Protein backbone atom coordinates (compact mmCIF):
# COMPACT_ATOMS: atom_id res chain seq x y z
CA UNK A 1 0.00 0.00 0.00
CA UNK A 2 1.43 3.37 -1.01
CA UNK A 3 1.73 6.24 1.44
CA UNK A 4 -1.09 8.04 -0.35
CA UNK A 5 -3.35 4.98 -0.02
CA UNK A 6 -2.68 4.74 3.71
CA UNK A 7 -3.43 8.44 4.07
CA UNK A 8 -6.76 8.08 2.24
CA UNK A 9 -7.67 5.16 4.55
CA UNK A 10 -6.94 7.40 7.55
CA UNK A 11 -9.08 10.19 6.08
CA UNK A 12 -11.93 7.70 5.59
CA UNK A 13 -11.64 6.57 9.21
CA UNK A 14 -11.69 10.18 10.38
CA UNK A 15 -14.71 11.07 8.22
CA UNK A 16 -16.60 8.13 9.73
CA UNK A 17 -15.56 9.20 13.24
CA UNK A 18 -16.83 12.75 12.67
CA UNK A 19 -20.19 11.39 11.47
CA UNK A 20 -20.37 9.13 14.55
CA UNK A 21 -19.60 12.02 16.93
CA UNK A 22 -22.08 14.32 15.23
CA UNK A 23 -24.88 11.74 15.26
CA UNK A 24 -24.34 10.66 18.87
CA UNK A 25 -23.25 13.81 20.71
CA UNK A 26 -24.71 16.67 18.68
CA UNK A 27 -28.39 15.80 19.06
CA UNK A 28 -30.65 15.31 22.06
CA UNK A 29 -31.72 11.77 21.16
CA UNK A 30 -28.13 10.51 21.02
CA UNK A 31 -27.04 12.26 24.20
CA UNK A 32 -30.08 10.98 26.08
CA UNK A 33 -29.59 7.40 24.86
CA UNK A 34 -25.90 7.14 25.67
CA UNK A 35 -26.22 9.03 28.97
CA UNK A 36 -29.04 6.75 30.13
CA UNK A 37 -26.58 3.84 30.36
CA UNK A 38 -23.92 5.74 32.28
CA UNK A 39 -23.34 9.46 32.30
CA UNK A 40 -19.69 8.99 33.32
CA UNK A 41 -19.07 6.49 30.51
CA UNK A 42 -20.81 8.77 28.02
CA UNK A 43 -18.48 11.63 28.98
CA UNK A 44 -15.38 9.43 28.69
CA UNK A 45 -16.40 8.20 25.23
CA UNK A 46 -17.28 11.73 24.10
CA UNK A 47 -13.93 13.15 25.22
CA UNK A 48 -12.02 10.26 23.64
CA UNK A 49 -13.76 10.58 20.28
CA UNK A 50 -13.48 14.39 20.36
CA UNK A 51 -9.75 14.24 21.10
CA UNK A 52 -9.19 11.63 18.39
CA UNK A 53 -10.88 13.92 15.88
CA UNK A 54 -8.77 16.92 16.91
CA UNK A 55 -5.48 15.01 17.04
CA UNK A 56 -6.10 13.15 13.77
CA UNK A 57 -7.14 16.31 11.95
CA UNK A 58 -4.06 18.14 13.19
CA UNK A 59 -1.59 15.40 12.32
CA UNK A 60 -3.07 14.59 8.91
CA UNK A 61 -3.94 18.03 7.59
CA UNK A 62 -2.03 20.62 9.62
CA UNK A 63 1.36 19.04 10.39
CA UNK A 64 4.19 19.86 8.03
CA UNK A 65 7.30 18.09 6.85
CA UNK A 66 9.00 16.33 9.76
CA UNK A 67 9.96 16.33 13.44
CA UNK A 68 13.14 15.55 15.33
CA UNK A 69 13.54 13.37 18.41
CA UNK A 70 16.88 12.45 19.97
CA UNK A 71 18.78 13.49 16.87
CA UNK A 72 16.59 11.43 14.51
CA UNK A 73 14.32 13.02 11.92
CA UNK A 74 10.90 11.46 11.24
CA UNK A 75 8.69 12.43 8.31
CA UNK A 76 5.01 13.06 8.92
CA UNK A 77 2.36 11.22 6.92
CA UNK A 78 0.71 14.56 6.22
CA UNK A 79 -1.18 16.31 3.48
CA UNK A 80 1.77 18.69 3.15
CA UNK A 81 4.25 15.87 2.51
CA UNK A 82 2.02 13.97 0.12
CA UNK A 83 1.21 17.00 -2.00
CA UNK A 84 4.89 17.96 -2.01
CA UNK A 85 5.87 14.44 -3.07
CA UNK A 86 3.28 14.24 -5.85
CA UNK A 87 3.31 17.94 -6.83
CA UNK A 88 3.78 17.16 -10.53
CA UNK A 89 0.37 15.41 -10.60
CA UNK A 90 -1.49 18.52 -9.43
CA UNK A 91 -3.21 20.10 -12.43
CA UNK A 92 -5.61 23.07 -12.52
CA UNK A 93 -8.59 21.01 -11.32
CA UNK A 94 -6.66 19.56 -8.37
CA UNK A 95 -5.22 23.00 -7.58
CA UNK A 96 -8.79 24.19 -6.96
CA UNK A 97 -9.06 21.55 -4.23
CA UNK A 98 -5.81 22.85 -2.70
CA UNK A 99 -7.11 26.42 -2.72
CA UNK A 100 -10.36 25.32 -1.08
CA UNK A 101 -8.41 23.34 1.54
CA UNK A 102 -6.42 26.46 2.50
CA UNK A 103 -9.62 28.46 2.89
CA UNK A 104 -11.28 25.76 5.03
CA UNK A 105 -8.18 25.30 7.21
CA UNK A 106 -8.19 29.00 8.01
CA UNK A 107 -11.62 28.59 9.64
CA UNK A 108 -10.40 26.29 12.41
CA UNK A 109 -7.64 26.55 15.01
CA UNK A 110 -7.00 22.87 15.48
CA UNK A 111 -3.22 23.04 15.89
CA UNK A 112 -3.05 25.40 18.87
CA UNK A 113 -5.87 23.54 20.58
CA UNK A 114 -4.20 20.16 19.99
CA UNK A 115 -0.78 21.39 21.14
CA UNK A 116 -1.78 23.43 24.18
CA UNK A 117 -4.76 21.47 25.49
CA UNK A 118 -4.51 17.84 24.39
CA UNK A 119 -0.99 16.90 23.30
CA UNK A 120 1.27 18.84 25.64
CA UNK A 121 -1.07 19.96 28.45
CA UNK A 122 0.40 23.46 28.57
CA UNK A 123 0.52 24.42 32.26
CA UNK A 124 -0.44 28.07 31.81
CA UNK A 125 -3.39 27.10 29.61
CA UNK A 126 -4.63 24.29 31.86
CA UNK A 127 -4.33 26.35 35.06
CA UNK A 128 -6.13 29.30 33.50
CA UNK A 129 -3.18 31.72 33.37
CA UNK A 130 -3.59 31.83 29.59
CA UNK A 131 -6.94 31.58 27.85
CA UNK A 132 -7.77 28.16 26.45
CA UNK A 133 -7.64 28.30 22.64
CA UNK A 134 -10.83 27.30 20.86
CA UNK A 135 -10.58 24.92 17.94
CA UNK A 136 -13.67 26.31 16.17
CA UNK A 137 -14.38 22.93 14.59
CA UNK A 138 -17.91 22.59 13.25
CA UNK A 139 -18.90 19.21 11.82
CA UNK A 140 -19.91 20.51 8.40
CA UNK A 141 -16.76 22.58 7.91
CA UNK A 142 -14.56 19.72 9.08
CA UNK A 143 -16.33 17.20 6.85
CA UNK A 144 -15.93 19.53 3.88
CA UNK A 145 -12.21 19.91 4.67
CA UNK A 146 -11.75 16.15 4.98
CA UNK A 147 -13.70 15.38 1.80
CA UNK A 148 -11.88 18.05 -0.18
CA UNK A 149 -8.53 16.72 1.03
CA UNK A 150 -9.63 13.23 0.06
CA UNK A 151 -10.71 14.41 -3.40
CA UNK A 152 -7.32 16.06 -3.95
CA UNK A 153 -5.41 12.95 -2.93
CA UNK A 154 -7.70 10.56 -4.79
CA UNK A 155 -7.24 12.68 -7.92
CA UNK A 156 -3.48 12.40 -7.51
CA UNK A 157 -3.81 8.65 -6.85
CA UNK A 158 -5.82 8.12 -10.05
CA UNK A 159 -3.11 9.82 -12.10
CA UNK A 160 -0.47 7.75 -10.38
CA UNK A 161 -2.42 4.55 -11.09
CA UNK A 162 -2.81 5.47 -14.74
CA UNK A 163 0.90 6.17 -15.04
CA UNK A 164 1.75 2.84 -13.37
CA UNK A 165 -0.77 0.87 -15.44
CA UNK A 166 -2.76 -0.23 -12.38
CA UNK A 167 -6.22 -1.62 -13.10
CA UNK A 168 -7.52 -1.43 -9.52
CA UNK A 169 -6.86 0.61 -6.40
CA UNK A 170 -6.70 -0.39 -2.73
CA UNK A 171 -8.99 2.59 -1.92
CA UNK A 172 -12.47 3.45 -3.19
CA UNK A 173 -13.57 6.64 -4.88
CA UNK A 174 -15.09 7.76 -1.58
CA UNK A 175 -18.72 7.48 -2.59
CA UNK A 176 -19.44 5.33 0.45
CA UNK A 177 -22.24 6.19 2.87
CA UNK A 178 -20.50 6.97 6.14
CA UNK A 179 -23.31 8.66 7.97
CA UNK A 180 -25.75 6.58 9.95
CA UNK A 181 -23.41 4.56 12.14
CA UNK A 182 -24.00 6.89 15.07
CA UNK A 183 -27.77 6.79 14.55
CA UNK A 184 -27.69 2.98 14.42
CA UNK A 185 -25.67 2.97 17.63
CA UNK A 186 -28.23 5.25 19.31
CA UNK A 187 -31.14 3.06 18.12
CA UNK A 188 -29.47 -0.04 19.56
CA UNK A 189 -28.87 1.76 22.84
CA UNK A 190 -32.53 2.74 22.96
CA UNK A 191 -33.60 -0.88 22.39
CA UNK A 192 -31.22 -2.00 25.12
CA UNK A 193 -32.81 0.48 27.56
CA UNK A 194 -36.37 -0.75 26.94
C-alpha cells in the first residue's frame, strides 16, 4: 500500500468518526440514549472521540514536513508531505481543491488547541493563566475539509495509477455512505434500555 493509499484510509476513518460524533453527541436523542446507560461512561467516550478527531485532523492536515527526536528526523504522513511528493500530478482542477483546503483550514484553530490542550497539556493554559484556545471545529466545515482533502489525494492517486498501469486501487472513490453509524448505535442503545 502506497503512502497516499494509507493516508486516504486514515481520512476515511476520520470522516466516519466525525459522522459518529455528530450523530451521537450533537443531538438530544443521542445524548439521552448514551447518557441513560452511564453518564460517566458517556463523557469518557465523548472526550475520547473528540480528542481523536482533533489530534487526527491536526496530524493529517495541519502538520508539516517532519519532526526531530533524539537526533533522529521522522517524516510526517501529512497532506503537506504527500502534496509535495506528488506535486507534478497537481493540475488546474486539483489545484482548486488545494485552494479550497487552504480556505477551510483558516476557519479552524486545530493546531493550537491540539498542542496546548490535548498533546502537551500546557501548564499556563490548563491552570487558566492563559486563555484556552478554541478549535472552532464545526462538523460541516470539518467534513468539507476532509472530503476536499480526500478528493485532492484521490485525484493524484488516479493519475499515479494510470501512469503505473494499475487496473484497480486499494482505496475506493469515496462514494461510500459513512453517515448513519452513530444513529444505528443510538437506536441499539434505545432498544437496550427498553
